């Protein structure tokens, strides 16, 4: 499985693994992804529904955008303070 797994696929894999009789390692091998990846997905998305996972991803991207905006503003403030501190 590649990094482009959709939210529906990830939640589906976690739910399907809980219902299957096969071991986790066999299940992961059948689906084509690493066992570590499965456990990471299960830890992060284990009790969530598809809509909750989508909302989480939206919030994470918005949070990253806001952090970038804050960093840009802090750089601008620092540059302005440097400029004002110079004696003409």
PDB file of N, CA and C in Angstrom:
ATOM      1  N   UNK A   1       0.860  -1.174   0.000  1.00  0.00           N
ATOM      2  CA  UNK A   1       0.000   0.000   0.000  1.00  0.00           C
ATOM      3  C   UNK A   1       0.902   1.231   0.000  1.00  0.00           C
ATOM      4  N   UNK A   2       0.525   2.225  -0.748  1.00  0.00           N
ATOM      5  CA  UNK A   2       1.323   3.433  -0.838  1.00  0.00           C
ATOM      6  C   UNK A   2       0.842   4.479   0.171  1.00  0.00           C
ATOM      7  N   UNK A   3       1.489   5.625   0.156  1.00  0.00           N
ATOM      8  CA  UNK A   3       1.149   6.684   1.095  1.00  0.00           C
ATOM      9  C   UNK A   3      -0.165   7.359   0.736  1.00  0.00           C
ATOM     10  N   UNK A   4      -0.743   7.009  -0.378  1.00  0.00           N
ATOM     11  CA  UNK A   4      -1.954   7.676  -0.832  1.00  0.00           C
ATOM     12  C   UNK A   4      -3.216   6.933  -0.416  1.00  0.00           C
ATOM     13  N   UNK A   5      -3.165   6.188   0.660  1.00  0.00           N
ATOM     14  CA  UNK A   5      -4.357   5.509   1.157  1.00  0.00           C
ATOM     15  C   UNK A   5      -5.386   6.548   1.585  1.00  0.00           C
ATOM     16  N   UNK A   6      -6.613   6.334   1.177  1.00  0.00           N
ATOM     17  CA  UNK A   6      -7.660   7.284   1.531  1.00  0.00           C
ATOM     18  C   UNK A   6      -8.127   7.020   2.950  1.00  0.00           C
ATOM     19  N   UNK A   7      -8.860   7.985   3.476  1.00  0.00           N
ATOM     20  CA  UNK A   7      -9.386   7.852   4.829  1.00  0.00           C
ATOM     21  C   UNK A   7     -10.291   6.630   4.937  1.00  0.00           C
ATOM     22  N   UNK A   8     -11.110   6.423   3.912  1.00  0.00           N
ATOM     23  CA  UNK A   8     -12.024   5.280   3.911  1.00  0.00           C
ATOM     24  C   UNK A   8     -11.253   3.958   3.938  1.00  0.00           C
ATOM     25  N   UNK A   9     -10.160   3.899   3.179  1.00  0.00           N
ATOM     26  CA  UNK A   9      -9.356   2.676   3.143  1.00  0.00           C
ATOM     27  C   UNK A   9      -8.725   2.399   4.505  1.00  0.00           C
ATOM     28  N   UNK A  10      -8.168   3.421   5.125  1.00  0.00           N
ATOM     29  CA  UNK A  10      -7.496   3.232   6.403  1.00  0.00           C
ATOM     30  C   UNK A  10      -8.484   2.739   7.462  1.00  0.00           C
ATOM     31  N   UNK A  11      -9.624   3.407   7.568  1.00  0.00           N
ATOM     32  CA  UNK A  11     -10.633   2.995   8.546  1.00  0.00           C
ATOM     33  C   UNK A  11     -11.135   1.596   8.203  1.00  0.00           C
ATOM     34  N   UNK A  12     -11.305   1.311   6.914  1.00  0.00           N
ATOM     35  CA  UNK A  12     -11.748  -0.014   6.486  1.00  0.00           C
ATOM     36  C   UNK A  12     -10.757  -1.097   6.857  1.00  0.00           C
ATOM     37  N   UNK A  13      -9.463  -0.825   6.679  1.00  0.00           N
ATOM     38  CA  UNK A  13      -8.438  -1.816   7.036  1.00  0.00           C
ATOM     39  C   UNK A  13      -8.461  -2.107   8.531  1.00  0.00           C
ATOM     40  N   UNK A  14      -8.570  -1.070   9.330  1.00  0.00           N
ATOM     41  CA  UNK A  14      -8.576  -1.269  10.783  1.00  0.00           C
ATOM     42  C   UNK A  14      -9.796  -2.081  11.197  1.00  0.00           C
ATOM     43  N   UNK A  15     -10.967  -1.729  10.657  1.00  0.00           N
ATOM     44  CA  UNK A  15     -12.196  -2.462  10.992  1.00  0.00           C
ATOM     45  C   UNK A  15     -12.130  -3.915  10.508  1.00  0.00           C
ATOM     46  N   UNK A  16     -11.628  -4.108   9.300  1.00  0.00           N
ATOM     47  CA  UNK A  16     -11.549  -5.452   8.740  1.00  0.00           C
ATOM     48  C   UNK A  16     -10.580  -6.330   9.529  1.00  0.00           C
ATOM     49  N   UNK A  17      -9.466  -5.751   9.969  1.00  0.00           N
ATOM     50  CA  UNK A  17      -8.490  -6.517  10.737  1.00  0.00           C
ATOM     51  C   UNK A  17      -9.063  -6.965  12.075  1.00  0.00           C
ATOM     52  N   UNK A  18      -9.935  -6.142  12.648  1.00  0.00           N
ATOM     53  CA  UNK A  18     -10.560  -6.517  13.920  1.00  0.00           C
ATOM     54  C   UNK A  18     -11.505  -7.695  13.755  1.00  0.00           C
ATOM     55  N   UNK A  19     -12.106  -7.822  12.571  1.00  0.00           N
ATOM     56  CA  UNK A  19     -13.096  -8.868  12.337  1.00  0.00           C
ATOM     57  C   UNK A  19     -12.511 -10.158  11.773  1.00  0.00           C
ATOM     58  N   UNK A  20     -11.320 -10.106  11.220  1.00  0.00           N
ATOM     59  CA  UNK A  20     -10.747 -11.263  10.542  1.00  0.00           C
ATOM     60  C   UNK A  20     -10.186 -12.290  11.526  1.00  0.00           C
ATOM     61  N   UNK A  21     -10.127 -13.507  11.072  1.00  0.00           N
ATOM     62  CA  UNK A  21      -9.558 -14.594  11.881  1.00  0.00           C
ATOM     63  C   UNK A  21      -8.048 -14.675  11.717  1.00  0.00           C
ATOM     64  N   UNK A  22      -7.520 -14.078  10.663  1.00  0.00           N
ATOM     65  CA  UNK A  22      -6.083 -14.134  10.394  1.00  0.00           C
ATOM     66  C   UNK A  22      -5.327 -13.264  11.388  1.00  0.00           C
ATOM     67  N   UNK A  23      -4.036 -13.571  11.546  1.00  0.00           N
ATOM     68  CA  UNK A  23      -3.217 -12.740  12.417  1.00  0.00           C
ATOM     69  C   UNK A  23      -2.985 -11.391  11.731  1.00  0.00           C
ATOM     70  N   UNK A  24      -2.539 -10.436  12.507  1.00  0.00           N
ATOM     71  CA  UNK A  24      -2.298  -9.099  11.963  1.00  0.00           C
ATOM     72  C   UNK A  24      -1.209  -9.146  10.893  1.00  0.00           C
ATOM     73  N   UNK A  25      -0.158  -9.899  11.129  1.00  0.00           N
ATOM     74  CA  UNK A  25       0.916  -9.974  10.139  1.00  0.00           C
ATOM     75  C   UNK A  25       0.427 -10.595   8.834  1.00  0.00           C
ATOM     76  N   UNK A  26      -0.417 -11.626   8.909  1.00  0.00           N
ATOM     77  CA  UNK A  26      -0.982 -12.229   7.693  1.00  0.00           C
ATOM     78  C   UNK A  26      -1.907 -11.237   6.992  1.00  0.00           C
ATOM     79  N   UNK A  27      -2.727 -10.553   7.761  1.00  0.00           N
ATOM     80  CA  UNK A  27      -3.651  -9.573   7.186  1.00  0.00           C
ATOM     81  C   UNK A  27      -2.879  -8.475   6.458  1.00  0.00           C
ATOM     82  N   UNK A  28      -1.846  -7.946   7.099  1.00  0.00           N
ATOM     83  CA  UNK A  28      -1.054  -6.885   6.474  1.00  0.00           C
ATOM     84  C   UNK A  28      -0.363  -7.369   5.209  1.00  0.00           C
ATOM     85  N   UNK A  29       0.147  -8.570   5.232  1.00  0.00           N
ATOM     86  CA  UNK A  29       0.808  -9.131   4.057  1.00  0.00           C
ATOM     87  C   UNK A  29      -0.186  -9.267   2.912  1.00  0.00           C
ATOM     88  N   UNK A  30      -1.412  -9.707   3.206  1.00  0.00           N
ATOM     89  CA  UNK A  30      -2.445  -9.850   2.180  1.00  0.00           C
ATOM     90  C   UNK A  30      -2.816  -8.502   1.567  1.00  0.00           C
ATOM     91  N   UNK A  31      -2.895  -7.480   2.403  1.00  0.00           N
ATOM     92  CA  UNK A  31      -3.303  -6.152   1.935  1.00  0.00           C
ATOM     93  C   UNK A  31      -2.154  -5.352   1.339  1.00  0.00           C
ATOM     94  N   UNK A  32      -0.921  -5.770   1.606  1.00  0.00           N
ATOM     95  CA  UNK A  32       0.233  -5.140   0.972  1.00  0.00           C
ATOM     96  C   UNK A  32       0.807  -3.936   1.697  1.00  0.00           C
ATOM     97  N   UNK A  33       0.713  -3.898   3.010  1.00  0.00           N
ATOM     98  CA  UNK A  33       1.365  -2.837   3.754  1.00  0.00           C
ATOM     99  C   UNK A  33       2.048  -3.414   4.975  1.00  0.00           C
ATOM    100  N   UNK A  34       2.887  -2.613   5.581  1.00  0.00           N
ATOM    101  CA  UNK A  34       3.721  -3.030   6.694  1.00  0.00           C
ATOM    102  C   UNK A  34       2.892  -3.139   7.974  1.00  0.00           C
ATOM    103  N   UNK A  35       3.282  -4.067   8.822  1.00  0.00           N
ATOM    104  CA  UNK A  35       2.599  -4.255  10.096  1.00  0.00           C
ATOM    105  C   UNK A  35       2.722  -3.019  10.990  1.00  0.00           C
ATOM    106  N   UNK A  36       3.881  -2.370  10.938  1.00  0.00           N
ATOM    107  CA  UNK A  36       4.080  -1.136  11.702  1.00  0.00           C
ATOM    108  C   UNK A  36       3.133  -0.036  11.253  1.00  0.00           C
ATOM    109  N   UNK A  37       2.899   0.039   9.950  1.00  0.00           N
ATOM    110  CA  UNK A  37       1.958   1.011   9.411  1.00  0.00           C
ATOM    111  C   UNK A  37       0.567   0.744   9.942  1.00  0.00           C
ATOM    112  N   UNK A  38       0.181  -0.514   9.988  1.00  0.00           N
ATOM    113  CA  UNK A  38      -1.139  -0.862  10.507  1.00  0.00           C
ATOM    114  C   UNK A  38      -1.300  -0.423  11.950  1.00  0.00           C
ATOM    115  N   UNK A  39      -0.305  -0.699  12.777  1.00  0.00           N
ATOM    116  CA  UNK A  39      -0.410  -0.345  14.190  1.00  0.00           C
ATOM    117  C   UNK A  39      -0.420   1.175  14.382  1.00  0.00           C
ATOM    118  N   UNK A  40       0.309   1.890  13.510  1.00  0.00           N
ATOM    119  CA  UNK A  40       0.273   3.350  13.568  1.00  0.00           C
ATOM    120  C   UNK A  40      -1.124   3.853  13.221  1.00  0.00           C
ATOM    121  N   UNK A  41      -1.731   3.275  12.184  1.00  0.00           N
ATOM    122  CA  UNK A  41      -3.099   3.641  11.796  1.00  0.00           C
ATOM    123  C   UNK A  41      -4.080   3.309  12.919  1.00  0.00           C
ATOM    124  N   UNK A  42      -3.899   2.128  13.512  1.00  0.00           N
ATOM    125  CA  UNK A  42      -4.827   1.698  14.563  1.00  0.00           C
ATOM    126  C   UNK A  42      -4.730   2.612  15.773  1.00  0.00           C
ATOM    127  N   UNK A  43      -3.523   3.009  16.127  1.00  0.00           N
ATOM    128  CA  UNK A  43      -3.340   3.900  17.267  1.00  0.00           C
ATOM    129  C   UNK A  43      -3.968   5.259  16.983  1.00  0.00           C
ATOM    130  N   UNK A  44      -3.822   5.736  15.779  1.00  0.00           N
ATOM    131  CA  UNK A  44      -4.290   7.075  15.443  1.00  0.00           C
ATOM    132  C   UNK A  44      -5.776   7.119  15.099  1.00  0.00           C
ATOM    133  N   UNK A  45      -6.256   6.128  14.344  1.00  0.00           N
ATOM    134  CA  UNK A  45      -7.619   6.168  13.828  1.00  0.00           C
ATOM    135  C   UNK A  45      -8.497   5.041  14.340  1.00  0.00           C
ATOM    136  N   UNK A  46      -8.041   4.270  15.309  1.00  0.00           N
ATOM    137  CA  UNK A  46      -8.722   3.064  15.739  1.00  0.00           C
ATOM    138  C   UNK A  46     -10.185   3.216  16.098  1.00  0.00           C
ATOM    139  N   UNK A  47     -10.538   4.228  16.830  1.00  0.00           N
ATOM    140  CA  UNK A  47     -11.923   4.363  17.281  1.00  0.00           C
ATOM    141  C   UNK A  47     -12.708   5.392  16.477  1.00  0.00           C
ATOM    142  N   UNK A  48     -12.125   5.898  15.397  1.00  0.00           N
ATOM    143  CA  UNK A  48     -12.781   6.949  14.619  1.00  0.00           C
ATOM    144  C   UNK A  48     -13.594   6.381  13.467  1.00  0.00           C
ATOM    145  N   UNK A  49     -14.565   7.172  13.052  1.00  0.00           N
ATOM    146  CA  UNK A  49     -15.322   6.886  11.844  1.00  0.00           C
ATOM    147  C   UNK A  49     -14.692   7.690  10.713  1.00  0.00           C
ATOM    148  N   UNK A  50     -15.112   7.402   9.477  1.00  0.00           N
ATOM    149  CA  UNK A  50     -14.519   8.051   8.308  1.00  0.00           C
ATOM    150  C   UNK A  50     -14.671   9.571   8.389  1.00  0.00           C
ATOM    151  N   UNK A  51     -15.839  10.048   8.780  1.00  0.00           N
ATOM    152  CA  UNK A  51     -16.057  11.495   8.851  1.00  0.00           C
ATOM    153  C   UNK A  51     -15.141  12.155   9.875  1.00  0.00           C
ATOM    154  N   UNK A  52     -14.898  11.482  10.977  1.00  0.00           N
ATOM    155  CA  UNK A  52     -14.014  12.026  12.005  1.00  0.00           C
ATOM    156  C   UNK A  52     -12.577  12.103  11.510  1.00  0.00           C
ATOM    157  N   UNK A  53     -12.153  11.096  10.746  1.00  0.00           N
ATOM    158  CA  UNK A  53     -10.794  11.089  10.197  1.00  0.00           C
ATOM    159  C   UNK A  53     -10.639  12.234   9.198  1.00  0.00           C
ATOM    160  N   UNK A  54     -11.647  12.438   8.365  1.00  0.00           N
ATOM    161  CA  UNK A  54     -11.583  13.541   7.396  1.00  0.00           C
ATOM    162  C   UNK A  54     -11.499  14.877   8.115  1.00  0.00           C
ATOM    163  N   UNK A  55     -12.295  15.053   9.147  1.00  0.00           N
ATOM    164  CA  UNK A  55     -12.280  16.301   9.907  1.00  0.00           C
ATOM    165  C   UNK A  55     -10.926  16.500  10.588  1.00  0.00           C
ATOM    166  N   UNK A  56     -10.337  15.422  11.113  1.00  0.00           N
ATOM    167  CA  UNK A  56      -9.020  15.499  11.727  1.00  0.00           C
ATOM    168  C   UNK A  56      -7.987  15.979  10.713  1.00  0.00           C
ATOM    169  N   UNK A  57      -8.021  15.426   9.525  1.00  0.00           N
ATOM    170  CA  UNK A  57      -7.062  15.841   8.488  1.00  0.00           C
ATOM    171  C   UNK A  57      -7.268  17.303   8.096  1.00  0.00           C
ATOM    172  N   UNK A  58      -8.517  17.735   8.003  1.00  0.00           N
ATOM    173  CA  UNK A  58      -8.792  19.141   7.689  1.00  0.00           C
ATOM    174  C   UNK A  58      -8.234  20.054   8.779  1.00  0.00           C
ATOM    175  N   UNK A  59      -8.444  19.678  10.035  1.00  0.00           N
ATOM    176  CA  UNK A  59      -7.947  20.484  11.144  1.00  0.00           C
ATOM    177  C   UNK A  59      -6.425  20.523  11.171  1.00  0.00           C
ATOM    178  N   UNK A  60      -5.785  19.396  10.857  1.00  0.00           N
ATOM    179  CA  UNK A  60      -4.326  19.363  10.832  1.00  0.00           C
ATOM    180  C   UNK A  60      -3.777  20.268   9.734  1.00  0.00           C
ATOM    181  N   UNK A  61      -4.407  20.257   8.560  1.00  0.00           N
ATOM    182  CA  UNK A  61      -3.916  21.117   7.478  1.00  0.00           C
ATOM    183  C   UNK A  61      -4.159  22.588   7.800  1.00  0.00           C
ATOM    184  N   UNK A  62      -5.301  22.903   8.417  1.00  0.00           N
ATOM    185  CA  UNK A  62      -5.566  24.283   8.810  1.00  0.00           C
ATOM    186  C   UNK A  62      -4.582  24.738   9.879  1.00  0.00           C
ATOM    187  N   UNK A  63      -4.283  23.870  10.818  1.00  0.00           N
ATOM    188  CA  UNK A  63      -3.323  24.180  11.867  1.00  0.00           C
ATOM    189  C   UNK A  63      -1.943  24.457  11.271  1.00  0.00           C
ATOM    190  N   UNK A  64      -1.526  23.651  10.307  1.00  0.00           N
ATOM    191  CA  UNK A  64      -0.229  23.866   9.659  1.00  0.00           C
ATOM    192  C   UNK A  64      -0.203  25.206   8.925  1.00  0.00           C
ATOM    193  N   UNK A  65      -1.310  25.556   8.261  1.00  0.00           N
ATOM    194  CA  UNK A  65      -1.394  26.829   7.552  1.00  0.00           C
ATOM    195  C   UNK A  65      -1.292  27.995   8.532  1.00  0.00           C
ATOM    196  N   UNK A  66      -1.986  27.888   9.661  1.00  0.00           N
ATOM    197  CA  UNK A  66      -1.937  28.948  10.664  1.00  0.00           C
ATOM    198  C   UNK A  66      -0.547  29.084  11.285  1.00  0.00           C
ATOM    199  N   UNK A  67       0.136  27.974  11.487  1.00  0.00           N
ATOM    200  CA  UNK A  67       1.499  28.030  12.020  1.00  0.00           C
ATOM    201  C   UNK A  67       2.441  28.729  11.046  1.00  0.00           C
ATOM    202  N   UNK A  68       2.271  28.444   9.747  1.00  0.00           N
ATOM    203  CA  UNK A  68       3.097  29.119   8.734  1.00  0.00           C
ATOM    204  C   UNK A  68       2.821  30.623   8.740  1.00  0.00           C
ATOM    205  N   UNK A  69       1.548  30.997   8.838  1.00  0.00           N
ATOM    206  CA  UNK A  69       1.190  32.416   8.873  1.00  0.00           C
ATOM    207  C   UNK A  69       1.808  33.104  10.091  1.00  0.00           C
ATOM    208  N   UNK A  70       1.759  32.452  11.236  1.00  0.00           N
ATOM    209  CA  UNK A  70       2.340  33.009  12.450  1.00  0.00           C
ATOM    210  C   UNK A  70       3.850  33.170  12.294  1.00  0.00           C
ATOM    211  N   UNK A  71       4.504  32.175  11.740  1.00  0.00           N
ATOM    212  CA  UNK A  71       5.955  32.251  11.542  1.00  0.00           C
ATOM    213  C   UNK A  71       6.308  33.412  10.616  1.00  0.00           C
ATOM    214  N   UNK A  72       5.529  33.600   9.546  1.00  0.00           N
ATOM    215  CA  UNK A  72       5.767  34.717   8.632  1.00  0.00           C
ATOM    216  C   UNK A  72       5.622  36.056   9.354  1.00  0.00           C
ATOM    217  N   UNK A  73       4.591  36.191  10.170  1.00  0.00           N
ATOM    218  CA  UNK A  73       4.369  37.440  10.904  1.00  0.00           C
ATOM    219  C   UNK A  73       5.481  37.694  11.915  1.00  0.00           C
ATOM    220  N   UNK A  74       5.944  36.650  12.570  1.00  0.00           N
ATOM    221  CA  UNK A  74       7.026  36.820  13.530  1.00  0.00           C
ATOM    222  C   UNK A  74       8.306  37.271  12.837  1.00  0.00           C
ATOM    223  N   UNK A  75       8.557  36.761  11.640  1.00  0.00           N
ATOM    224  CA  UNK A  75       9.727  37.188  10.866  1.00  0.00           C
ATOM    225  C   UNK A  75       9.589  38.655  10.483  1.00  0.00           C
ATOM    226  N   UNK A  76       8.395  39.053  10.053  1.00  0.00           N
ATOM    227  CA  UNK A  76       8.161  40.452   9.699  1.00  0.00           C
ATOM    228  C   UNK A  76       8.349  41.373  10.907  1.00  0.00           C
ATOM    229  N   UNK A  77       7.837  40.968  12.049  1.00  0.00           N
ATOM    230  CA  UNK A  77       7.987  41.772  13.270  1.00  0.00           C
ATOM    231  C   UNK A  77       9.450  41.898  13.648  1.00  0.00           C
ATOM    232  N   UNK A  78      10.192  40.805  13.562  1.00  0.00           N
ATOM    233  CA  UNK A  78      11.610  40.828  13.887  1.00  0.00           C
ATOM    234  C   UNK A  78      12.364  41.757  12.942  1.00  0.00           C
ATOM    235  N   UNK A  79      12.038  41.718  11.659  1.00  0.00           N
ATOM    236  CA  UNK A  79      12.700  42.580  10.686  1.00  0.00           C
ATOM    237  C   UNK A  79      12.379  44.050  10.961  1.00  0.00           C
ATOM    238  N   UNK A  80      11.137  44.342  11.310  1.00  0.00           N
ATOM    239  CA  UNK A  80      10.749  45.722  11.610  1.00  0.00           C
ATOM    240  C   UNK A  80      11.456  46.223  12.870  1.00  0.00           C
ATOM    241  N   UNK A  81      11.575  45.369  13.874  1.00  0.00           N
ATOM    242  CA  UNK A  81      12.261  45.773  15.104  1.00  0.00           C
ATOM    243  C   UNK A  81      13.734  46.036  14.843  1.00  0.00           C
ATOM    244  N   UNK A  82      14.337  45.214  13.972  1.00  0.00           N
ATOM    245  CA  UNK A  82      15.732  45.432  13.610  1.00  0.00           C
ATOM    246  C   UNK A  82      15.913  46.764  12.892  1.00  0.00           C
ATOM    247  N   UNK A  83      14.990  47.031  11.984  1.00  0.00           N
ATOM    248  CA  UNK A  83      15.050  48.270  11.219  1.00  0.00           C
ATOM    249  C   UNK A  83      14.865  49.484  12.124  1.00  0.00           C
ATOM    250  N   UNK A  84      13.921  49.401  13.057  1.00  0.00           N
ATOM    251  CA  UNK A  84      13.689  50.521  13.961  1.00  0.00           C
ATOM    252  C   UNK A  84      14.800  50.714  14.972  1.00  0.00           C
ATOM    253  N   UNK A  85      15.519  49.662  15.275  1.00  0.00           N
ATOM    254  CA  UNK A  85      16.600  49.747  16.259  1.00  0.00           C
ATOM    255  C   UNK A  85      17.833  50.449  15.695  1.00  0.00           C
ATOM    256  N   UNK A  86      17.979  50.508  14.398  1.00  0.00           N
ATOM    257  CA  UNK A  86      19.146  51.141  13.786  1.00  0.00           C
ATOM    258  C   UNK A  86      19.070  52.652  14.010  1.00  0.00           C
ATOM    259  N   UNK A  87      20.208  53.217  14.269  1.00  0.00           N
ATOM    260  CA  UNK A  87      20.282  54.673  14.454  1.00  0.00           C
ATOM    261  C   UNK A  87      20.632  55.287  13.111  1.00  0.00           C
ATOM    262  N   UNK A  88      19.846  56.214  12.708  1.00  0.00           N
ATOM    263  CA  UNK A  88      20.074  56.871  11.411  1.00  0.00           C
ATOM    264  C   UNK A  88      20.881  58.049  11.633  1.00  0.00           C
TER     265      UNK A  88
END
